[in-house]
Amino acid sequence: MPNLDDSWRPDRCEILITAAATHIPAGYPSEGLTLELIGSVERITWPPLLRLISALVENGIPAFLSVRGEPGYTSGNIFLNDRLNKAVAARDVKKTVEILGTALGACVDLPRIKIEFTG
C-alpha cells in the first residue's frame, strides 16, 4: 500500500495487513483488508490504525480485525464495517475505539481451530 509510510512495517507497528477475499458479506466489494494484530493488542488504539480503519469503513471497503492465534491454530477474525458504520459516519472516535475494543475481545474469545496438514 503505497500511501502507508515506513511506520507501517509490521516489525514496527505490530500489525500485518493482508488481502481479504473470503467471508465478505453480501453488498460489499469482493476484496478487502485484514488488519492482524501480531504484537500487543494495545495497538488497537494506535491513531494511524484508527484512521485507516475509519477510512476503509467510510469508503465501504471490507475491513477485518484479526488477532493471531497460538502457533498451529487459526487467528480470530471479525468483520468491522457493520459494527463501525454509524460511529465512523458520526466521526465519533470515542465510540469507534469502544467498538474496536469489543471486536478485539470477540477476536480473542473466538474458538481456535487447529491447523492440520494432510498430504
PDB file of N, CA and C in Angstrom:
ATOM      1  N   MET A   1       0.848  -1.173   0.000  1.00  0.00           N
ATOM      2  CA  MET A   1       0.000   0.000   0.000  1.00  0.00           C
ATOM      3  C   MET A   1       0.899   1.243   0.000  1.00  0.00           C
ATOM      4  N   PRO A   2       1.012   1.872  -1.131  1.00  0.00           N
ATOM      5  CA  PRO A   2       1.947   2.984  -1.269  1.00  0.00           C
ATOM      6  C   PRO A   2       1.642   4.199  -0.394  1.00  0.00           C
ATOM      7  N   ASN A   3       0.413   4.336   0.056  1.00  0.00           N
ATOM      8  CA  ASN A   3       0.075   5.503   0.885  1.00  0.00           C
ATOM      9  C   ASN A   3       0.428   5.323   2.361  1.00  0.00           C
ATOM     10  N   LEU A   4       0.962   4.168   2.739  1.00  0.00           N
ATOM     11  CA  LEU A   4       1.378   3.936   4.119  1.00  0.00           C
ATOM     12  C   LEU A   4       2.891   4.123   4.219  1.00  0.00           C
ATOM     13  N   ASP A   5       3.318   4.882   5.216  1.00  0.00           N
ATOM     14  CA  ASP A   5       4.740   5.150   5.362  1.00  0.00           C
ATOM     15  C   ASP A   5       5.455   4.007   6.088  1.00  0.00           C
ATOM     16  N   ASP A   6       6.759   4.222   6.322  1.00  0.00           N
ATOM     17  CA  ASP A   6       7.611   3.194   6.911  1.00  0.00           C
ATOM     18  C   ASP A   6       7.180   2.770   8.315  1.00  0.00           C
ATOM     19  N   SER A   7       6.418   3.618   9.002  1.00  0.00           N
ATOM     20  CA  SER A   7       5.958   3.257  10.347  1.00  0.00           C
ATOM     21  C   SER A   7       4.989   2.073  10.316  1.00  0.00           C
ATOM     22  N   TRP A   8       4.465   1.755   9.123  1.00  0.00           N
ATOM     23  CA  TRP A   8       3.523   0.650   8.968  1.00  0.00           C
ATOM     24  C   TRP A   8       4.211  -0.692   8.729  1.00  0.00           C
ATOM     25  N   ARG A   9       5.532  -0.712   8.715  1.00  0.00           N
ATOM     26  CA  ARG A   9       6.195  -2.014   8.585  1.00  0.00           C
ATOM     27  C   ARG A   9       5.733  -2.888   9.744  1.00  0.00           C
ATOM     28  N   PRO A  10       5.344  -4.130   9.477  1.00  0.00           N
ATOM     29  CA  PRO A  10       4.834  -4.991  10.549  1.00  0.00           C
ATOM     30  C   PRO A  10       5.765  -5.129  11.747  1.00  0.00           C
ATOM     31  N   ASP A  11       7.068  -5.107  11.519  1.00  0.00           N
ATOM     32  CA  ASP A  11       8.002  -5.234  12.632  1.00  0.00           C
ATOM     33  C   ASP A  11       8.037  -3.974  13.490  1.00  0.00           C
ATOM     34  N   ARG A  12       7.507  -2.875  12.985  1.00  0.00           N
ATOM     35  CA  ARG A  12       7.469  -1.629  13.750  1.00  0.00           C
ATOM     36  C   ARG A  12       6.091  -1.372  14.369  1.00  0.00           C
ATOM     37  N   CYS A  13       5.044  -1.602  13.595  1.00  0.00           N
ATOM     38  CA  CYS A  13       3.705  -1.262  14.094  1.00  0.00           C
ATOM     39  C   CYS A  13       2.975  -2.447  14.720  1.00  0.00           C
ATOM     40  N   GLU A  14       3.511  -3.653  14.552  1.00  0.00           N
ATOM     41  CA  GLU A  14       2.915  -4.880  15.101  1.00  0.00           C
ATOM     42  C   GLU A  14       1.540  -5.183  14.500  1.00  0.00           C
ATOM     43  N   ILE A  15       1.357  -4.755  13.234  1.00  0.00           N
ATOM     44  CA  ILE A  15       0.117  -5.002  12.511  1.00  0.00           C
ATOM     45  C   ILE A  15       0.484  -5.532  11.135  1.00  0.00           C
ATOM     46  N   LEU A  16      -0.109  -6.644  10.754  1.00  0.00           N
ATOM     47  CA  LEU A  16       0.121  -7.219   9.438  1.00  0.00           C
ATOM     48  C   LEU A  16      -1.140  -6.985   8.610  1.00  0.00           C
ATOM     49  N   ILE A  17      -0.980  -6.329   7.477  1.00  0.00           N
ATOM     50  CA  ILE A  17      -2.116  -6.038   6.597  1.00  0.00           C
ATOM     51  C   ILE A  17      -2.063  -7.005   5.429  1.00  0.00           C
ATOM     52  N   THR A  18      -3.164  -7.740   5.245  1.00  0.00           N
ATOM     53  CA  THR A  18      -3.239  -8.699   4.144  1.00  0.00           C
ATOM     54  C   THR A  18      -4.558  -8.526   3.405  1.00  0.00           C
ATOM     55  N   ALA A  19      -4.591  -9.038   2.184  1.00  0.00           N
ATOM     56  CA  ALA A  19      -5.815  -9.003   1.396  1.00  0.00           C
ATOM     57  C   ALA A  19      -6.843  -9.953   2.000  1.00  0.00           C
ATOM     58  N   ALA A  20      -8.086  -9.560   1.925  1.00  0.00           N
ATOM     59  CA  ALA A  20      -9.191 -10.412   2.392  1.00  0.00           C
ATOM     60  C   ALA A  20     -10.172 -10.571   1.237  1.00  0.00           C
ATOM     61  N   ALA A  21     -10.466 -11.802   0.887  1.00  0.00           N
ATOM     62  CA  ALA A  21     -11.399 -12.037  -0.206  1.00  0.00           C
ATOM     63  C   ALA A  21     -12.424 -13.118   0.135  1.00  0.00           C
ATOM     64  N   THR A  22     -12.399 -13.610   1.360  1.00  0.00           N
ATOM     65  CA  THR A  22     -13.371 -14.632   1.762  1.00  0.00           C
ATOM     66  C   THR A  22     -14.163 -14.137   2.960  1.00  0.00           C
ATOM     67  N   HIS A  23     -15.350 -14.644   3.108  1.00  0.00           N
ATOM     68  CA  HIS A  23     -16.246 -14.325   4.215  1.00  0.00           C
ATOM     69  C   HIS A  23     -16.677 -12.856   4.220  1.00  0.00           C
ATOM     70  N   ILE A  24     -16.686 -12.238   3.047  1.00  0.00           N
ATOM     71  CA  ILE A  24     -17.144 -10.855   2.945  1.00  0.00           C
ATOM     72  C   ILE A  24     -18.654 -10.880   2.740  1.00  0.00           C
ATOM     73  N   PRO A  25     -19.399 -10.163   3.587  1.00  0.00           N
ATOM     74  CA  PRO A  25     -20.857 -10.169   3.472  1.00  0.00           C
ATOM     75  C   PRO A  25     -21.352  -9.594   2.133  1.00  0.00           C
ATOM     76  N   ALA A  26     -22.522 -10.037   1.724  1.00  0.00           N
ATOM     77  CA  ALA A  26     -23.145  -9.523   0.506  1.00  0.00           C
ATOM     78  C   ALA A  26     -23.316  -8.009   0.622  1.00  0.00           C
ATOM     79  N   GLY A  27     -23.197  -7.342  -0.495  1.00  0.00           N
ATOM     80  CA  GLY A  27     -23.370  -5.898  -0.527  1.00  0.00           C
ATOM     81  C   GLY A  27     -22.063  -5.129  -0.413  1.00  0.00           C
ATOM     82  N   TYR A  28     -20.980  -5.826  -0.175  1.00  0.00           N
ATOM     83  CA  TYR A  28     -19.658  -5.199  -0.086  1.00  0.00           C
ATOM     84  C   TYR A  28     -18.819  -5.644  -1.277  1.00  0.00           C
ATOM     85  N   PRO A  29     -17.774  -4.857  -1.628  1.00  0.00           N
ATOM     86  CA  PRO A  29     -16.864  -5.316  -2.688  1.00  0.00           C
ATOM     87  C   PRO A  29     -16.279  -6.680  -2.327  1.00  0.00           C
ATOM     88  N   SER A  30     -15.851  -7.401  -3.343  1.00  0.00           N
ATOM     89  CA  SER A  30     -15.379  -8.776  -3.123  1.00  0.00           C
ATOM     90  C   SER A  30     -13.976  -8.855  -2.532  1.00  0.00           C
ATOM     91  N   GLU A  31     -13.297  -7.724  -2.382  1.00  0.00           N
ATOM     92  CA  GLU A  31     -11.966  -7.729  -1.785  1.00  0.00           C
ATOM     93  C   GLU A  31     -11.860  -6.658  -0.725  1.00  0.00           C
ATOM     94  N   GLY A  32     -11.156  -6.974   0.341  1.00  0.00           N
ATOM     95  CA  GLY A  32     -10.966  -6.023   1.431  1.00  0.00           C
ATOM     96  C   GLY A  32      -9.612  -6.243   2.066  1.00  0.00           C
ATOM     97  N   LEU A  33      -9.489  -5.792   3.307  1.00  0.00           N
ATOM     98  CA  LEU A  33      -8.226  -5.922   4.032  1.00  0.00           C
ATOM     99  C   LEU A  33      -8.450  -6.531   5.405  1.00  0.00           C
ATOM    100  N   THR A  34      -7.486  -7.340   5.823  1.00  0.00           N
ATOM    101  CA  THR A  34      -7.445  -7.859   7.184  1.00  0.00           C
ATOM    102  C   THR A  34      -6.298  -7.164   7.897  1.00  0.00           C
ATOM    103  N   LEU A  35      -6.589  -6.633   9.064  1.00  0.00           N
ATOM    104  CA  LEU A  35      -5.600  -5.958   9.901  1.00  0.00           C
ATOM    105  C   LEU A  35      -5.359  -6.866  11.093  1.00  0.00           C
ATOM    106  N   GLU A  36      -4.244  -7.596  11.054  1.00  0.00           N
ATOM    107  CA  GLU A  36      -3.962  -8.595  12.086  1.00  0.00           C
ATOM    108  C   GLU A  36      -2.976  -8.044  13.109  1.00  0.00           C
ATOM    109  N   LEU A  37      -3.397  -8.038  14.359  1.00  0.00           N
ATOM    110  CA  LEU A  37      -2.514  -7.617  15.441  1.00  0.00           C
ATOM    111  C   LEU A  37      -1.560  -8.764  15.734  1.00  0.00           C
ATOM    112  N   ILE A  38      -0.274  -8.531  15.456  1.00  0.00           N
ATOM    113  CA  ILE A  38       0.723  -9.599  15.624  1.00  0.00           C
ATOM    114  C   ILE A  38       1.607  -9.361  16.839  1.00  0.00           C
ATOM    115  N   GLY A  39       1.359  -8.294  17.553  1.00  0.00           N
ATOM    116  CA  GLY A  39       2.105  -7.976  18.772  1.00  0.00           C
ATOM    117  C   GLY A  39       1.106  -7.656  19.861  1.00  0.00           C
ATOM    118  N   SER A  40       1.305  -6.546  20.490  1.00  0.00           N
ATOM    119  CA  SER A  40       0.432  -6.120  21.584  1.00  0.00           C
ATOM    120  C   SER A  40      -0.963  -5.748  21.077  1.00  0.00           C
ATOM    121  N   VAL A  41      -1.973  -6.232  21.774  1.00  0.00           N
ATOM    122  CA  VAL A  41      -3.342  -5.866  21.412  1.00  0.00           C
ATOM    123  C   VAL A  41      -3.625  -4.389  21.717  1.00  0.00           C
ATOM    124  N   GLU A  42      -2.728  -3.752  22.454  1.00  0.00           N
ATOM    125  CA  GLU A  42      -2.876  -2.319  22.740  1.00  0.00           C
ATOM    126  C   GLU A  42      -2.768  -1.480  21.469  1.00  0.00           C
ATOM    127  N   ARG A  43      -2.244  -2.057  20.398  1.00  0.00           N
ATOM    128  CA  ARG A  43      -2.120  -1.328  19.129  1.00  0.00           C
ATOM    129  C   ARG A  43      -3.475  -0.958  18.551  1.00  0.00           C
ATOM    130  N   ILE A  44      -4.529  -1.523  19.075  1.00  0.00           N
ATOM    131  CA  ILE A  44      -5.868  -1.232  18.576  1.00  0.00           C
ATOM    132  C   ILE A  44      -6.203   0.259  18.697  1.00  0.00           C
ATOM    133  N   THR A  45      -5.537   0.972  19.597  1.00  0.00           N
ATOM    134  CA  THR A  45      -5.810   2.401  19.769  1.00  0.00           C
ATOM    135  C   THR A  45      -4.752   3.288  19.105  1.00  0.00           C
ATOM    136  N   TRP A  46      -3.841   2.703  18.329  1.00  0.00           N
ATOM    137  CA  TRP A  46      -2.821   3.475  17.618  1.00  0.00           C
ATOM    138  C   TRP A  46      -3.513   4.412  16.631  1.00  0.00           C
ATOM    139  N   PRO A  47      -3.347   5.713  16.744  1.00  0.00           N
ATOM    140  CA  PRO A  47      -4.076   6.660  15.885  1.00  0.00           C
ATOM    141  C   PRO A  47      -3.999   6.381  14.381  1.00  0.00           C
ATOM    142  N   PRO A  48      -2.838   6.039  13.806  1.00  0.00           N
ATOM    143  CA  PRO A  48      -2.846   5.722  12.374  1.00  0.00           C
ATOM    144  C   PRO A  48      -3.732   4.522  12.029  1.00  0.00           C
ATOM    145  N   LEU A  49      -3.798   3.529  12.928  1.00  0.00           N
ATOM    146  CA  LEU A  49      -4.675   2.384  12.690  1.00  0.00           C
ATOM    147  C   LEU A  49      -6.133   2.812  12.745  1.00  0.00           C
ATOM    148  N   LEU A  50      -6.478   3.634  13.716  1.00  0.00           N
ATOM    149  CA  LEU A  50      -7.858   4.130  13.813  1.00  0.00           C
ATOM    150  C   LEU A  50      -8.243   4.897  12.551  1.00  0.00           C
ATOM    151  N   ARG A  51      -7.317   5.718  12.035  1.00  0.00           N
ATOM    152  CA  ARG A  51      -7.608   6.475  10.807  1.00  0.00           C
ATOM    153  C   ARG A  51      -7.777   5.543   9.613  1.00  0.00           C
ATOM    154  N   LEU A  52      -6.929   4.523   9.505  1.00  0.00           N
ATOM    155  CA  LEU A  52      -7.030   3.582   8.395  1.00  0.00           C
ATOM    156  C   LEU A  52      -8.345   2.818   8.454  1.00  0.00           C
ATOM    157  N   ILE A  53      -8.680   2.290   9.605  1.00  0.00           N
ATOM    158  CA  ILE A  53      -9.941   1.547   9.742  1.00  0.00           C
ATOM    159  C   ILE A  53     -11.119   2.448   9.410  1.00  0.00           C
ATOM    160  N   SER A  54     -11.114   3.659   9.920  1.00  0.00           N
ATOM    161  CA  SER A  54     -12.210   4.599   9.639  1.00  0.00           C
ATOM    162  C   SER A  54     -12.312   4.884   8.145  1.00  0.00           C
ATOM    163  N   ALA A  55     -11.178   5.069   7.471  1.00  0.00           N
ATOM    164  CA  ALA A  55     -11.195   5.335   6.031  1.00  0.00           C
ATOM    165  C   ALA A  55     -11.741   4.138   5.256  1.00  0.00           C
ATOM    166  N   LEU A  56     -11.344   2.933   5.655  1.00  0.00           N
ATOM    167  CA  LEU A  56     -11.861   1.739   4.992  1.00  0.00           C
ATOM    168  C   LEU A  56     -13.369   1.641   5.151  1.00  0.00           C
ATOM    169  N   VAL A  57     -13.843   1.806   6.377  1.00  0.00           N
ATOM    170  CA  VAL A  57     -15.282   1.708   6.652  1.00  0.00           C
ATOM    171  C   VAL A  57     -16.036   2.803   5.906  1.00  0.00           C
ATOM    172  N   GLU A  58     -15.523   4.022   5.969  1.00  0.00           N
ATOM    173  CA  GLU A  58     -16.179   5.160   5.316  1.00  0.00           C
ATOM    174  C   GLU A  58     -16.292   4.956   3.800  1.00  0.00           C
ATOM    175  N   ASN A  59     -15.319   4.291   3.213  1.00  0.00           N
ATOM    176  CA  ASN A  59     -15.315   4.058   1.768  1.00  0.00           C
ATOM    177  C   ASN A  59     -15.934   2.720   1.369  1.00  0.00           C
ATOM    178  N   GLY A  60     -16.502   2.011   2.328  1.00  0.00           N
ATOM    179  CA  GLY A  60     -17.191   0.758   2.037  1.00  0.00           C
ATOM    180  C   GLY A  60     -16.267  -0.392   1.685  1.00  0.00           C
ATOM    181  N   ILE A  61     -15.007  -0.281   2.045  1.00  0.00           N
ATOM    182  CA  ILE A  61     -14.045  -1.357   1.780  1.00  0.00           C
ATOM    183  C   ILE A  61     -14.081  -2.333   2.946  1.00  0.00           C
ATOM    184  N   PRO A  62     -14.323  -3.604   2.686  1.00  0.00           N
ATOM    185  CA  PRO A  62     -14.385  -4.576   3.770  1.00  0.00           C
ATOM    186  C   PRO A  62     -13.118  -4.564   4.622  1.00  0.00           C
ATOM    187  N   ALA A  63     -13.315  -4.450   5.929  1.00  0.00           N
ATOM    188  CA  ALA A  63     -12.203  -4.410   6.880  1.00  0.00           C
ATOM    189  C   ALA A  63     -12.431  -5.461   7.954  1.00  0.00           C
ATOM    190  N   PHE A  64     -11.391  -6.238   8.214  1.00  0.00           N
ATOM    191  CA  PHE A  64     -11.443  -7.274   9.232  1.00  0.00           C
ATOM    192  C   PHE A  64     -10.375  -7.004  10.268  1.00  0.00           C
ATOM    193  N   LEU A  65     -10.696  -7.275  11.512  1.00  0.00           N
ATOM    194  CA  LEU A  65      -9.721  -7.238  12.595  1.00  0.00           C
ATOM    195  C   LEU A  65      -9.397  -8.681  12.935  1.00  0.00           C
ATOM    196  N   SER A  66      -8.116  -8.959  13.094  1.00  0.00           N
ATOM    197  CA  SER A  66      -7.682 -10.310  13.406  1.00  0.00           C
ATOM    198  C   SER A  66      -6.660 -10.258  14.530  1.00  0.00           C
ATOM    199  N   VAL A  67      -6.688 -11.293  15.368  1.00  0.00           N
ATOM    200  CA  VAL A  67      -5.698 -11.440  16.434  1.00  0.00           C
ATOM    201  C   VAL A  67      -5.062 -12.806  16.250  1.00  0.00           C
ATOM    202  N   ARG A  68      -3.759 -12.797  16.184  1.00  0.00           N
ATOM    203  CA  ARG A  68      -3.006 -14.023  15.926  1.00  0.00           C
ATOM    204  C   ARG A  68      -3.284 -15.072  16.996  1.00  0.00           C
ATOM    205  N   GLY A  69      -3.508 -16.303  16.530  1.00  0.00           N
ATOM    206  CA  GLY A  69      -3.708 -17.420  17.447  1.00  0.00           C
ATOM    207  C   GLY A  69      -2.377 -18.007  17.886  1.00  0.00           C
ATOM    208  N   GLU A  70      -2.446 -18.954  18.779  1.00  0.00           N
ATOM    209  CA  GLU A  70      -1.243 -19.668  19.203  1.00  0.00           C
ATOM    210  C   GLU A  70      -0.661 -20.406  18.006  1.00  0.00           C
ATOM    211  N   PRO A  71       0.648 -20.668  18.013  1.00  0.00           N
ATOM    212  CA  PRO A  71       1.246 -21.409  16.901  1.00  0.00           C
ATOM    213  C   PRO A  71       0.490 -22.710  16.634  1.00  0.00           C
ATOM    214  N   GLY A  72       0.169 -22.936  15.368  1.00  0.00           N
ATOM    215  CA  GLY A  72      -0.554 -24.146  14.978  1.00  0.00           C
ATOM    216  C   GLY A  72      -2.064 -23.997  14.995  1.00  0.00           C
ATOM    217  N   TYR A  73      -2.565 -22.805  15.343  1.00  0.00           N
ATOM    218  CA  TYR A  73      -4.006 -22.563  15.402  1.00  0.00           C
ATOM    219  C   TYR A  73      -4.362 -21.329  14.576  1.00  0.00           C
ATOM    220  N   THR A  74      -5.612 -21.279  14.121  1.00  0.00           N
ATOM    221  CA  THR A  74      -6.071 -20.140  13.334  1.00  0.00           C
ATOM    222  C   THR A  74      -6.161 -18.888  14.184  1.00  0.00           C
ATOM    223  N   SER A  75      -6.234 -17.744  13.507  1.00  0.00           N
ATOM    224  CA  SER A  75      -6.405 -16.456  14.175  1.00  0.00           C
ATOM    225  C   SER A  75      -7.894 -16.142  14.310  1.00  0.00           C
ATOM    226  N   GLY A  76      -8.232 -15.351  15.331  1.00  0.00           N
ATOM    227  CA  GLY A  76      -9.595 -14.844  15.443  1.00  0.00           C
ATOM    228  C   GLY A  76      -9.775 -13.742  14.412  1.00  0.00           C
ATOM    229  N   ASN A  77     -10.964 -13.640  13.811  1.00  0.00           N
ATOM    230  CA  ASN A  77     -11.188 -12.704  12.715  1.00  0.00           C
ATOM    231  C   ASN A  77     -12.615 -12.149  12.800  1.00  0.00           C
ATOM    232  N   ILE A  78     -12.750 -10.807  12.809  1.00  0.00           N
ATOM    233  CA  ILE A  78     -14.052 -10.162  12.944  1.00  0.00           C
ATOM    234  C   ILE A  78     -14.239  -9.131  11.832  1.00  0.00           C
ATOM    235  N   PHE A  79     -15.393  -9.159  11.172  1.00  0.00           N
ATOM    236  CA  PHE A  79     -15.745  -8.157  10.157  1.00  0.00           C
ATOM    237  C   PHE A  79     -16.149  -6.874  10.884  1.00  0.00           C
ATOM    238  N   LEU A  80     -15.545  -5.743  10.503  1.00  0.00           N
ATOM    239  CA  LEU A  80     -15.738  -4.499  11.243  1.00  0.00           C
ATOM    240  C   LEU A  80     -16.785  -3.540  10.671  1.00  0.00           C
ATOM    241  N   ASN A  81     -16.992  -3.543   9.381  1.00  0.00           N
ATOM    242  CA  ASN A  81     -17.782  -2.485   8.753  1.00  0.00           C
ATOM    243  C   ASN A  81     -19.161  -2.289   9.370  1.00  0.00           C
ATOM    244  N   ASP A  82     -19.930  -3.354   9.494  1.00  0.00           N
ATOM    245  CA  ASP A  82     -21.295  -3.218  10.014  1.00  0.00           C
ATOM    246  C   ASP A  82     -21.299  -2.704  11.453  1.00  0.00           C
ATOM    247  N   ARG A  83     -20.298  -3.069  12.219  1.00  0.00           N
ATOM    248  CA  ARG A  83     -20.204  -2.628  13.611  1.00  0.00           C
ATOM    249  C   ARG A  83     -19.848  -1.146  13.711  1.00  0.00           C
ATOM    250  N   LEU A  84     -19.040  -0.657  12.765  1.00  0.00           N
ATOM    251  CA  LEU A  84     -18.472   0.685  12.880  1.00  0.00           C
ATOM    252  C   LEU A  84     -19.132   1.758  12.020  1.00  0.00           C
ATOM    253  N   ASN A  85     -20.009   1.373  11.116  1.00  0.00           N
ATOM    254  CA  ASN A  85     -20.582   2.343  10.170  1.00  0.00           C
ATOM    255  C   ASN A  85     -21.099   3.615  10.846  1.00  0.00           C
ATOM    256  N   LYS A  86     -21.936   3.492  11.852  1.00  0.00           N
ATOM    257  CA  LYS A  86     -22.542   4.670  12.491  1.00  0.00           C
ATOM    258  C   LYS A  86     -21.512   5.531  13.207  1.00  0.00           C
ATOM    259  N   ALA A  87     -20.613   4.919  13.952  1.00  0.00           N
ATOM    260  CA  ALA A  87     -19.601   5.678  14.702  1.00  0.00           C
ATOM    261  C   ALA A  87     -18.663   6.414  13.755  1.00  0.00           C
ATOM    262  N   VAL A  88     -18.259   5.760  12.683  1.00  0.00           N
ATOM    263  CA  VAL A  88     -17.360   6.395  11.711  1.00  0.00           C
ATOM    264  C   VAL A  88     -18.079   7.538  11.000  1.00  0.00           C
ATOM    265  N   ALA A  89     -19.324   7.307  10.591  1.00  0.00           N
ATOM    266  CA  ALA A  89     -20.087   8.359   9.906  1.00  0.00           C
ATOM    267  C   ALA A  89     -20.263   9.583  10.802  1.00  0.00           C
ATOM    268  N   ALA A  90     -20.403   9.356  12.108  1.00  0.00           N
ATOM    269  CA  ALA A  90     -20.574  10.455  13.062  1.00  0.00           C
ATOM    270  C   ALA A  90     -19.234  11.048  13.494  1.00  0.00           C
ATOM    271  N   ARG A  91     -18.132  10.476  13.006  1.00  0.00           N
ATOM    272  CA  ARG A  91     -16.781  10.922  13.394  1.00  0.00           C
ATOM    273  C   ARG A  91     -16.583  10.848  14.912  1.00  0.00           C
ATOM    274  N   ASP A  92     -17.192   9.816  15.498  1.00  0.00           N
ATOM    275  CA  ASP A  92     -17.151   9.622  16.947  1.00  0.00           C
ATOM    276  C   ASP A  92     -15.985   8.680  17.289  1.00  0.00           C
ATOM    277  N   VAL A  93     -14.815   9.267  17.541  1.00  0.00           N
ATOM    278  CA  VAL A  93     -13.608   8.477  17.799  1.00  0.00           C
ATOM    279  C   VAL A  93     -13.760   7.651  19.073  1.00  0.00           C
ATOM    280  N   LYS A  94     -14.353   8.226  20.098  1.00  0.00           N
ATOM    281  CA  LYS A  94     -14.530   7.506  21.364  1.00  0.00           C
ATOM    282  C   LYS A  94     -15.376   6.247  21.155  1.00  0.00           C
ATOM    283  N   LYS A  95     -16.466   6.375  20.416  1.00  0.00           N
ATOM    284  CA  LYS A  95     -17.335   5.226  20.152  1.00  0.00           C
ATOM    285  C   LYS A  95     -16.621   4.210  19.246  1.00  0.00           C
ATOM    286  N   THR A  96     -15.848   4.708  18.275  1.00  0.00           N
ATOM    287  CA  THR A  96     -15.086   3.820  17.399  1.00  0.00           C
ATOM    288  C   THR A  96     -14.114   2.980  18.215  1.00  0.00           C
ATOM    289  N   VAL A  97     -13.391   3.616  19.123  1.00  0.00           N
ATOM    290  CA  VAL A  97     -12.442   2.886  19.982  1.00  0.00           C
ATOM    291  C   VAL A  97     -13.182   1.880  20.867  1.00  0.00           C
ATOM    292  N   GLU A  98     -14.333   2.269  21.383  1.00  0.00           N
ATOM    293  CA  GLU A  98     -15.130   1.361  22.222  1.00  0.00           C
ATOM    294  C   GLU A  98     -15.553   0.122  21.430  1.00  0.00           C
ATOM    295  N   ILE A  99     -16.044   0.331  20.207  1.00  0.00           N
ATOM    296  CA  ILE A  99     -16.489  -0.784  19.368  1.00  0.00           C
ATOM    297  C   ILE A  99     -15.304  -1.674  18.986  1.00  0.00           C
ATOM    298  N   LEU A 100     -14.174  -1.049  18.668  1.00  0.00           N
ATOM    299  CA  LEU A 100     -12.981  -1.840  18.340  1.00  0.00           C
ATOM    300  C   LEU A 100     -12.520  -2.660  19.537  1.00  0.00           C
ATOM    301  N   GLY A 101     -12.655  -2.116  20.739  1.00  0.00           N
ATOM    302  CA  GLY A 101     -12.310  -2.871  21.943  1.00  0.00           C
ATOM    303  C   GLY A 101     -13.193  -4.099  22.095  1.00  0.00           C
ATOM    304  N   THR A 102     -14.473  -3.937  21.818  1.00  0.00           N
ATOM    305  CA  THR A 102     -15.408  -5.068  21.874  1.00  0.00           C
ATOM    306  C   THR A 102     -15.065  -6.098  20.797  1.00  0.00           C
ATOM    307  N   ALA A 103     -14.755  -5.611  19.590  1.00  0.00           N
ATOM    308  CA  ALA A 103     -14.381  -6.519  18.495  1.00  0.00           C
ATOM    309  C   ALA A 103     -13.091  -7.266  18.836  1.00  0.00           C
ATOM    310  N   LEU A 104     -12.157  -6.566  19.440  1.00  0.00           N
ATOM    311  CA  LEU A 104     -10.901  -7.180  19.862  1.00  0.00           C
ATOM    312  C   LEU A 104     -11.167  -8.308  20.855  1.00  0.00           C
ATOM    313  N   GLY A 105     -12.022  -8.040  21.837  1.00  0.00           N
ATOM    314  CA  GLY A 105     -12.380  -9.072  22.812  1.00  0.00           C
ATOM    315  C   GLY A 105     -13.012 -10.281  22.145  1.00  0.00           C
ATOM    316  N   ALA A 106     -13.868 -10.028  21.151  1.00  0.00           N
ATOM    317  CA  ALA A 106     -14.504 -11.132  20.425  1.00  0.00           C
ATOM    318  C   ALA A 106     -13.461 -11.937  19.647  1.00  0.00           C
ATOM    319  N   CYS A 107     -12.493 -11.253  19.043  1.00  0.00           N
ATOM    320  CA  CYS A 107     -11.418 -11.957  18.310  1.00  0.00           C
ATOM    321  C   CYS A 107     -10.644 -12.878  19.239  1.00  0.00           C
ATOM    322  N   VAL A 108     -10.321 -12.372  20.405  1.00  0.00           N
ATOM    323  CA  VAL A 108      -9.536 -13.146  21.369  1.00  0.00           C
ATOM    324  C   VAL A 108     -10.335 -14.341  21.863  1.00  0.00           C
ATOM    325  N   ASP A 109     -11.653 -14.165  22.020  1.00  0.00           N
ATOM    326  CA  ASP A 109     -12.502 -15.218  22.569  1.00  0.00           C
ATOM    327  C   ASP A 109     -12.971 -16.253  21.542  1.00  0.00           C
ATOM    328  N   LEU A 110     -12.785 -15.969  20.251  1.00  0.00           N
ATOM    329  CA  LEU A 110     -13.241 -16.922  19.238  1.00  0.00           C
ATOM    330  C   LEU A 110     -12.517 -18.254  19.397  1.00  0.00           C
ATOM    331  N   PRO A 111     -13.237 -19.351  19.201  1.00  0.00           N
ATOM    332  CA  PRO A 111     -12.574 -20.650  19.276  1.00  0.00           C
ATOM    333  C   PRO A 111     -11.513 -20.764  18.184  1.00  0.00           C
ATOM    334  N   ARG A 112     -10.389 -21.325  18.515  1.00  0.00           N
ATOM    335  CA  ARG A 112      -9.301 -21.511  17.571  1.00  0.00           C
ATOM    336  C   ARG A 112      -9.387 -22.910  16.986  1.00  0.00           C
ATOM    337  N   ILE A 113      -9.087 -22.992  15.717  1.00  0.00           N
ATOM    338  CA  ILE A 113      -9.101 -24.294  15.034  1.00  0.00           C
ATOM    339  C   ILE A 113      -7.658 -24.704  14.782  1.00  0.00           C
ATOM    340  N   LYS A 114      -7.357 -25.927  15.160  1.00  0.00           N
ATOM    341  CA  LYS A 114      -6.002 -26.438  14.955  1.00  0.00           C
ATOM    342  C   LYS A 114      -5.777 -26.612  13.451  1.00  0.00           C
ATOM    343  N   ILE A 115      -4.636 -26.124  12.987  1.00  0.00           N
ATOM    344  CA  ILE A 115      -4.282 -26.256  11.580  1.00  0.00           C
ATOM    345  C   ILE A 115      -3.625 -27.606  11.391  1.00  0.00           C
ATOM    346  N   GLU A 116      -4.206 -28.395  10.493  1.00  0.00           N
ATOM    347  CA  GLU A 116      -3.686 -29.731  10.231  1.00  0.00           C
ATOM    348  C   GLU A 116      -3.317 -29.830   8.771  1.00  0.00           C
ATOM    349  N   PHE A 117      -2.152 -30.352   8.516  1.00  0.00           N
ATOM    350  CA  PHE A 117      -1.703 -30.548   7.152  1.00  0.00           C
ATOM    351  C   PHE A 117      -1.845 -32.012   6.788  1.00  0.00           C
ATOM    352  N   THR A 118      -2.438 -32.245   5.642  1.00  0.00           N
ATOM    353  CA  THR A 118      -2.575 -33.629   5.163  1.00  0.00           C
ATOM    354  C   THR A 118      -1.810 -33.742   3.868  1.00  0.00           C
ATOM    355  N   GLY A 119      -1.326 -34.851   3.586  1.00  0.00           N
ATOM    356  CA  GLY A 119      -0.550 -34.957   2.361  1.00  0.00           C
ATOM    357  C   GLY A 119      -0.390 -36.324   1.969  1.00  0.00           C
TER     358      GLY A 119
END
